[in-house]
N, C-alpha and C. Protein backbone atom coordinates (compact mmCIF):
# COMPACT_ATOMS: atom_id res chain seq x y z
N MET A 1 -8.59 -5.31 8.76
CA MET A 1 -7.77 -4.21 9.24
C MET A 1 -6.39 -4.31 8.59
N PRO A 2 -5.85 -3.19 8.15
CA PRO A 2 -4.50 -3.23 7.59
C PRO A 2 -3.48 -3.52 8.68
N ALA A 3 -2.34 -4.01 8.27
CA ALA A 3 -1.28 -4.31 9.22
C ALA A 3 -0.87 -3.03 9.95
N ALA A 4 -0.51 -3.19 11.22
CA ALA A 4 -0.11 -2.03 12.03
C ALA A 4 1.07 -1.30 11.40
N SER A 5 2.00 -2.04 10.82
CA SER A 5 3.16 -1.38 10.21
C SER A 5 2.75 -0.52 9.03
N MET A 6 1.75 -0.94 8.28
CA MET A 6 1.25 -0.17 7.15
C MET A 6 0.62 1.13 7.64
N VAL A 7 -0.17 1.05 8.69
CA VAL A 7 -0.80 2.23 9.27
C VAL A 7 0.28 3.18 9.81
N ASN A 8 1.23 2.63 10.55
CA ASN A 8 2.30 3.45 11.13
C ASN A 8 3.10 4.16 10.04
N GLN A 9 3.46 3.44 8.99
CA GLN A 9 4.24 4.04 7.91
C GLN A 9 3.47 5.17 7.24
N ALA A 10 2.21 4.95 6.95
CA ALA A 10 1.41 5.98 6.28
C ALA A 10 1.28 7.22 7.15
N ILE A 11 0.98 7.05 8.41
CA ILE A 11 0.77 8.20 9.30
C ILE A 11 2.09 8.91 9.58
N VAL A 12 3.15 8.15 9.86
CA VAL A 12 4.45 8.78 10.15
C VAL A 12 4.97 9.52 8.93
N ARG A 13 4.83 8.93 7.75
CA ARG A 13 5.25 9.63 6.53
C ARG A 13 4.44 10.90 6.32
N GLY A 14 3.14 10.81 6.58
CA GLY A 14 2.30 11.99 6.44
C GLY A 14 2.72 13.09 7.41
N ILE A 15 2.96 12.73 8.66
CA ILE A 15 3.38 13.72 9.66
C ILE A 15 4.73 14.32 9.27
N ALA A 16 5.65 13.47 8.83
CA ALA A 16 6.96 13.97 8.42
C ALA A 16 6.83 14.97 7.27
N SER A 17 5.95 14.66 6.31
CA SER A 17 5.78 15.59 5.18
C SER A 17 5.14 16.89 5.66
N GLY A 18 4.26 16.81 6.65
CA GLY A 18 3.62 18.01 7.17
C GLY A 18 4.56 18.89 7.97
N LEU A 19 5.62 18.30 8.50
CA LEU A 19 6.57 19.06 9.32
C LEU A 19 7.82 19.46 8.55
N LEU A 20 7.91 19.06 7.31
CA LEU A 20 9.12 19.29 6.52
C LEU A 20 9.44 20.78 6.38
N ASP A 21 8.45 21.60 6.07
CA ASP A 21 8.72 23.04 5.90
C ASP A 21 9.28 23.66 7.18
N SER A 22 8.70 23.31 8.30
CA SER A 22 9.19 23.85 9.58
C SER A 22 10.62 23.38 9.85
N ALA A 23 10.88 22.13 9.57
CA ALA A 23 12.23 21.59 9.79
C ALA A 23 13.25 22.25 8.88
N LEU A 24 12.91 22.42 7.60
CA LEU A 24 13.83 23.06 6.66
C LEU A 24 14.11 24.51 7.05
N HIS A 25 13.08 25.21 7.49
CA HIS A 25 13.27 26.59 7.95
C HIS A 25 14.24 26.62 9.14
N HIS A 26 14.03 25.74 10.10
CA HIS A 26 14.89 25.67 11.28
C HIS A 26 16.33 25.35 10.88
N ILE A 27 16.53 24.40 9.99
CA ILE A 27 17.87 24.00 9.56
C ILE A 27 18.56 25.17 8.84
N ALA A 28 17.81 25.85 7.97
CA ALA A 28 18.39 26.98 7.23
C ALA A 28 18.80 28.10 8.18
N GLU A 29 17.94 28.42 9.13
CA GLU A 29 18.27 29.47 10.10
C GLU A 29 19.52 29.11 10.89
N ARG A 30 19.60 27.89 11.34
CA ARG A 30 20.77 27.44 12.10
C ARG A 30 22.03 27.45 11.25
N ALA A 31 21.89 27.08 9.96
CA ALA A 31 23.04 27.06 9.05
C ALA A 31 23.62 28.45 8.86
N TYR A 32 22.77 29.48 8.92
CA TYR A 32 23.24 30.87 8.78
C TYR A 32 23.59 31.50 10.12
N GLY A 33 23.62 30.66 11.16
CA GLY A 33 24.02 31.14 12.47
C GLY A 33 22.95 31.94 13.19
N ARG A 34 21.75 31.89 12.69
CA ARG A 34 20.66 32.63 13.34
C ARG A 34 19.90 31.69 14.28
N GLU A 35 19.39 32.28 15.32
CA GLU A 35 18.57 31.49 16.25
C GLU A 35 17.21 31.26 15.61
N SER A 36 16.72 30.06 15.72
CA SER A 36 15.43 29.71 15.14
C SER A 36 14.43 29.51 16.27
N VAL A 37 13.37 30.27 16.22
CA VAL A 37 12.31 30.14 17.21
C VAL A 37 11.26 29.20 16.62
N LEU A 38 10.99 28.14 17.33
CA LEU A 38 10.01 27.17 16.86
C LEU A 38 8.60 27.72 17.05
N ASP A 39 7.82 27.64 16.00
CA ASP A 39 6.43 28.08 16.03
C ASP A 39 5.58 26.87 16.38
N GLU A 40 5.19 26.77 17.64
CA GLU A 40 4.46 25.60 18.11
C GLU A 40 3.15 25.39 17.36
N GLU A 41 2.47 26.47 17.03
CA GLU A 41 1.20 26.35 16.31
C GLU A 41 1.43 25.83 14.89
N ALA A 42 2.50 26.30 14.24
CA ALA A 42 2.82 25.81 12.89
C ALA A 42 3.18 24.32 12.94
N ILE A 43 3.88 23.93 13.96
CA ILE A 43 4.25 22.52 14.12
C ILE A 43 2.99 21.69 14.36
N ARG A 44 2.11 22.18 15.22
CA ARG A 44 0.86 21.45 15.48
C ARG A 44 0.02 21.33 14.21
N GLN A 45 -0.14 22.43 13.49
CA GLN A 45 -0.92 22.40 12.25
C GLN A 45 -0.27 21.50 11.20
N GLY A 46 1.05 21.57 11.10
CA GLY A 46 1.76 20.69 10.16
C GLY A 46 1.57 19.22 10.50
N GLY A 47 1.62 18.92 11.79
CA GLY A 47 1.39 17.54 12.22
C GLY A 47 -0.02 17.07 11.91
N LEU A 48 -0.99 17.92 12.18
CA LEU A 48 -2.39 17.56 11.89
C LEU A 48 -2.63 17.39 10.39
N GLN A 49 -2.04 18.28 9.60
CA GLN A 49 -2.15 18.14 8.15
C GLN A 49 -1.47 16.85 7.69
N GLY A 50 -0.35 16.54 8.32
CA GLY A 50 0.36 15.30 7.98
C GLY A 50 -0.45 14.06 8.30
N VAL A 51 -1.16 14.08 9.42
CA VAL A 51 -2.03 12.95 9.76
C VAL A 51 -3.11 12.79 8.68
N ALA A 52 -3.66 13.92 8.22
CA ALA A 52 -4.67 13.86 7.16
C ALA A 52 -4.09 13.30 5.87
N VAL A 53 -2.87 13.73 5.51
CA VAL A 53 -2.20 13.21 4.31
C VAL A 53 -1.98 11.70 4.44
N GLY A 54 -1.47 11.27 5.60
CA GLY A 54 -1.23 9.84 5.82
C GLY A 54 -2.51 9.02 5.79
N THR A 55 -3.56 9.58 6.36
CA THR A 55 -4.85 8.89 6.37
C THR A 55 -5.39 8.73 4.95
N ARG A 56 -5.27 9.79 4.15
CA ARG A 56 -5.71 9.69 2.74
C ARG A 56 -4.89 8.66 1.98
N ALA A 57 -3.58 8.65 2.19
CA ALA A 57 -2.72 7.68 1.50
C ALA A 57 -3.09 6.26 1.91
N LEU A 58 -3.33 6.05 3.19
CA LEU A 58 -3.72 4.73 3.68
C LEU A 58 -5.08 4.33 3.13
N THR A 59 -6.02 5.26 3.10
CA THR A 59 -7.36 4.99 2.55
C THR A 59 -7.26 4.60 1.09
N ASP A 60 -6.46 5.33 0.32
CA ASP A 60 -6.28 5.02 -1.10
C ASP A 60 -5.69 3.62 -1.28
N ALA A 61 -4.67 3.29 -0.48
CA ALA A 61 -4.03 1.98 -0.60
C ALA A 61 -4.99 0.85 -0.25
N VAL A 62 -5.75 1.04 0.82
CA VAL A 62 -6.71 0.01 1.24
C VAL A 62 -7.83 -0.13 0.21
N THR A 63 -8.30 0.98 -0.33
CA THR A 63 -9.36 0.95 -1.35
C THR A 63 -8.88 0.22 -2.59
N GLU A 64 -7.65 0.51 -3.02
CA GLU A 64 -7.10 -0.16 -4.20
C GLU A 64 -6.94 -1.66 -3.95
N SER A 65 -6.44 -2.01 -2.78
CA SER A 65 -6.28 -3.43 -2.44
C SER A 65 -7.62 -4.14 -2.39
N ALA A 66 -8.62 -3.47 -1.83
CA ALA A 66 -9.96 -4.07 -1.74
C ALA A 66 -10.52 -4.34 -3.14
N ALA A 67 -10.33 -3.38 -4.04
CA ALA A 67 -10.83 -3.56 -5.41
C ALA A 67 -10.12 -4.73 -6.09
N GLU A 68 -8.81 -4.84 -5.86
CA GLU A 68 -8.06 -5.95 -6.45
C GLU A 68 -8.52 -7.29 -5.87
N LEU A 69 -8.82 -7.32 -4.58
CA LEU A 69 -9.30 -8.55 -3.95
C LEU A 69 -10.68 -8.95 -4.47
N VAL A 70 -11.55 -7.97 -4.69
CA VAL A 70 -12.87 -8.26 -5.25
C VAL A 70 -12.71 -8.86 -6.64
N GLU A 71 -11.83 -8.27 -7.44
CA GLU A 71 -11.58 -8.79 -8.79
C GLU A 71 -11.01 -10.21 -8.73
N LEU A 72 -10.09 -10.44 -7.82
CA LEU A 72 -9.52 -11.78 -7.66
C LEU A 72 -10.59 -12.78 -7.24
N ALA A 73 -11.42 -12.41 -6.28
CA ALA A 73 -12.49 -13.31 -5.82
C ALA A 73 -13.45 -13.64 -6.95
N ALA A 74 -13.79 -12.64 -7.77
CA ALA A 74 -14.69 -12.88 -8.90
C ALA A 74 -14.05 -13.85 -9.88
N GLY A 75 -12.77 -13.67 -10.14
CA GLY A 75 -12.07 -14.58 -11.06
C GLY A 75 -11.98 -15.99 -10.53
N LEU A 76 -11.76 -16.13 -9.24
CA LEU A 76 -11.65 -17.47 -8.65
C LEU A 76 -12.99 -18.19 -8.64
N SER A 77 -14.08 -17.45 -8.55
CA SER A 77 -15.39 -18.09 -8.49
C SER A 77 -16.02 -18.28 -9.86
N ASP A 78 -15.44 -17.71 -10.90
CA ASP A 78 -15.99 -17.82 -12.25
C ASP A 78 -15.36 -19.01 -12.96
N PRO A 79 -16.16 -20.07 -13.24
CA PRO A 79 -15.59 -21.26 -13.88
C PRO A 79 -14.98 -20.95 -15.26
N ALA A 80 -15.46 -19.95 -15.94
CA ALA A 80 -14.92 -19.61 -17.26
C ALA A 80 -13.52 -19.03 -17.16
N VAL A 81 -13.17 -18.48 -16.00
CA VAL A 81 -11.88 -17.84 -15.82
C VAL A 81 -10.92 -18.75 -15.07
N ARG A 82 -11.43 -19.79 -14.49
CA ARG A 82 -10.64 -20.67 -13.64
C ARG A 82 -9.36 -21.14 -14.33
N VAL A 83 -8.28 -21.11 -13.63
CA VAL A 83 -7.00 -21.57 -14.17
C VAL A 83 -7.01 -23.08 -14.23
N ARG A 84 -6.61 -23.61 -15.36
CA ARG A 84 -6.53 -25.05 -15.50
C ARG A 84 -5.10 -25.50 -15.21
N VAL A 85 -4.96 -26.71 -14.74
CA VAL A 85 -3.66 -27.23 -14.36
C VAL A 85 -2.68 -27.13 -15.53
N ARG A 86 -3.11 -27.44 -16.73
CA ARG A 86 -2.18 -27.42 -17.86
C ARG A 86 -1.75 -26.01 -18.23
N ASP A 87 -2.44 -25.00 -17.72
CA ASP A 87 -2.07 -23.62 -17.99
C ASP A 87 -0.98 -23.10 -17.05
N ILE A 88 -0.66 -23.89 -16.03
CA ILE A 88 0.34 -23.47 -15.06
C ILE A 88 1.70 -24.00 -15.51
N PRO A 89 2.64 -23.11 -15.85
CA PRO A 89 3.94 -23.59 -16.31
C PRO A 89 4.74 -24.24 -15.18
N ILE A 90 5.12 -25.46 -15.40
CA ILE A 90 5.91 -26.21 -14.43
C ILE A 90 7.06 -26.84 -15.19
N GLY A 91 8.25 -26.74 -14.68
CA GLY A 91 9.42 -27.25 -15.38
C GLY A 91 9.56 -28.76 -15.30
N GLY A 92 10.52 -29.28 -16.01
CA GLY A 92 10.90 -30.69 -15.94
C GLY A 92 9.87 -31.67 -16.47
N GLY A 93 9.10 -31.32 -17.50
CA GLY A 93 8.14 -32.25 -18.07
C GLY A 93 6.88 -32.41 -17.26
N TYR A 94 6.81 -31.77 -16.15
CA TYR A 94 5.63 -31.86 -15.28
C TYR A 94 4.39 -31.29 -15.94
N ALA A 95 4.58 -30.34 -16.87
CA ALA A 95 3.45 -29.68 -17.50
C ALA A 95 2.64 -30.63 -18.37
N ASP A 96 3.22 -31.78 -18.72
CA ASP A 96 2.50 -32.73 -19.56
C ASP A 96 1.41 -33.46 -18.78
N GLN A 97 1.49 -33.42 -17.45
CA GLN A 97 0.47 -34.08 -16.64
C GLN A 97 -0.73 -33.16 -16.52
N VAL A 98 -1.89 -33.68 -16.80
CA VAL A 98 -3.10 -32.88 -16.79
C VAL A 98 -4.11 -33.54 -15.85
N ALA A 99 -4.71 -32.72 -14.99
CA ALA A 99 -5.73 -33.25 -14.07
C ALA A 99 -7.00 -33.53 -14.85
N GLN A 100 -7.80 -34.43 -14.33
CA GLN A 100 -9.08 -34.73 -14.97
C GLN A 100 -10.23 -34.41 -14.02
N GLU A 101 -11.29 -33.88 -14.60
CA GLU A 101 -12.50 -33.61 -13.84
C GLU A 101 -13.16 -34.95 -13.52
N PRO A 102 -14.05 -34.97 -12.52
CA PRO A 102 -14.74 -36.22 -12.20
C PRO A 102 -15.51 -36.81 -13.37
N ASN A 103 -15.95 -35.96 -14.32
CA ASN A 103 -16.71 -36.49 -15.47
C ASN A 103 -15.78 -37.00 -16.59
N GLY A 104 -14.47 -36.94 -16.35
CA GLY A 104 -13.52 -37.45 -17.32
C GLY A 104 -12.95 -36.43 -18.25
N SER A 105 -13.49 -35.18 -18.23
CA SER A 105 -12.94 -34.15 -19.12
C SER A 105 -11.62 -33.67 -18.54
N ARG A 106 -10.78 -33.18 -19.44
CA ARG A 106 -9.47 -32.71 -19.01
C ARG A 106 -9.55 -31.24 -18.61
N THR A 107 -8.76 -30.86 -17.58
CA THR A 107 -8.70 -29.45 -17.17
C THR A 107 -7.31 -28.93 -17.36
């Protein structure tokens, strides 16, 4: 499950984007000194559309993360791709130390 904050951000951003047109209309009307009547149905529809936008954004993010995790897992389990100790840059002369496999080969 994605973190609650990730879900909240995606859904709240989606709802905000869905309500933006109604909010801008209201602000413009008020700026010109006109009374703005809120259209409850437009607000409801904008909110629902925003939830759908947020849900799609969250789905896309989770799908992308899942694909990256699958790729990472495949790399970690593939001995041909495995990172060797000497390939990891470490400062202060530490990089000269190389681990050895149980059979005596260097990694």
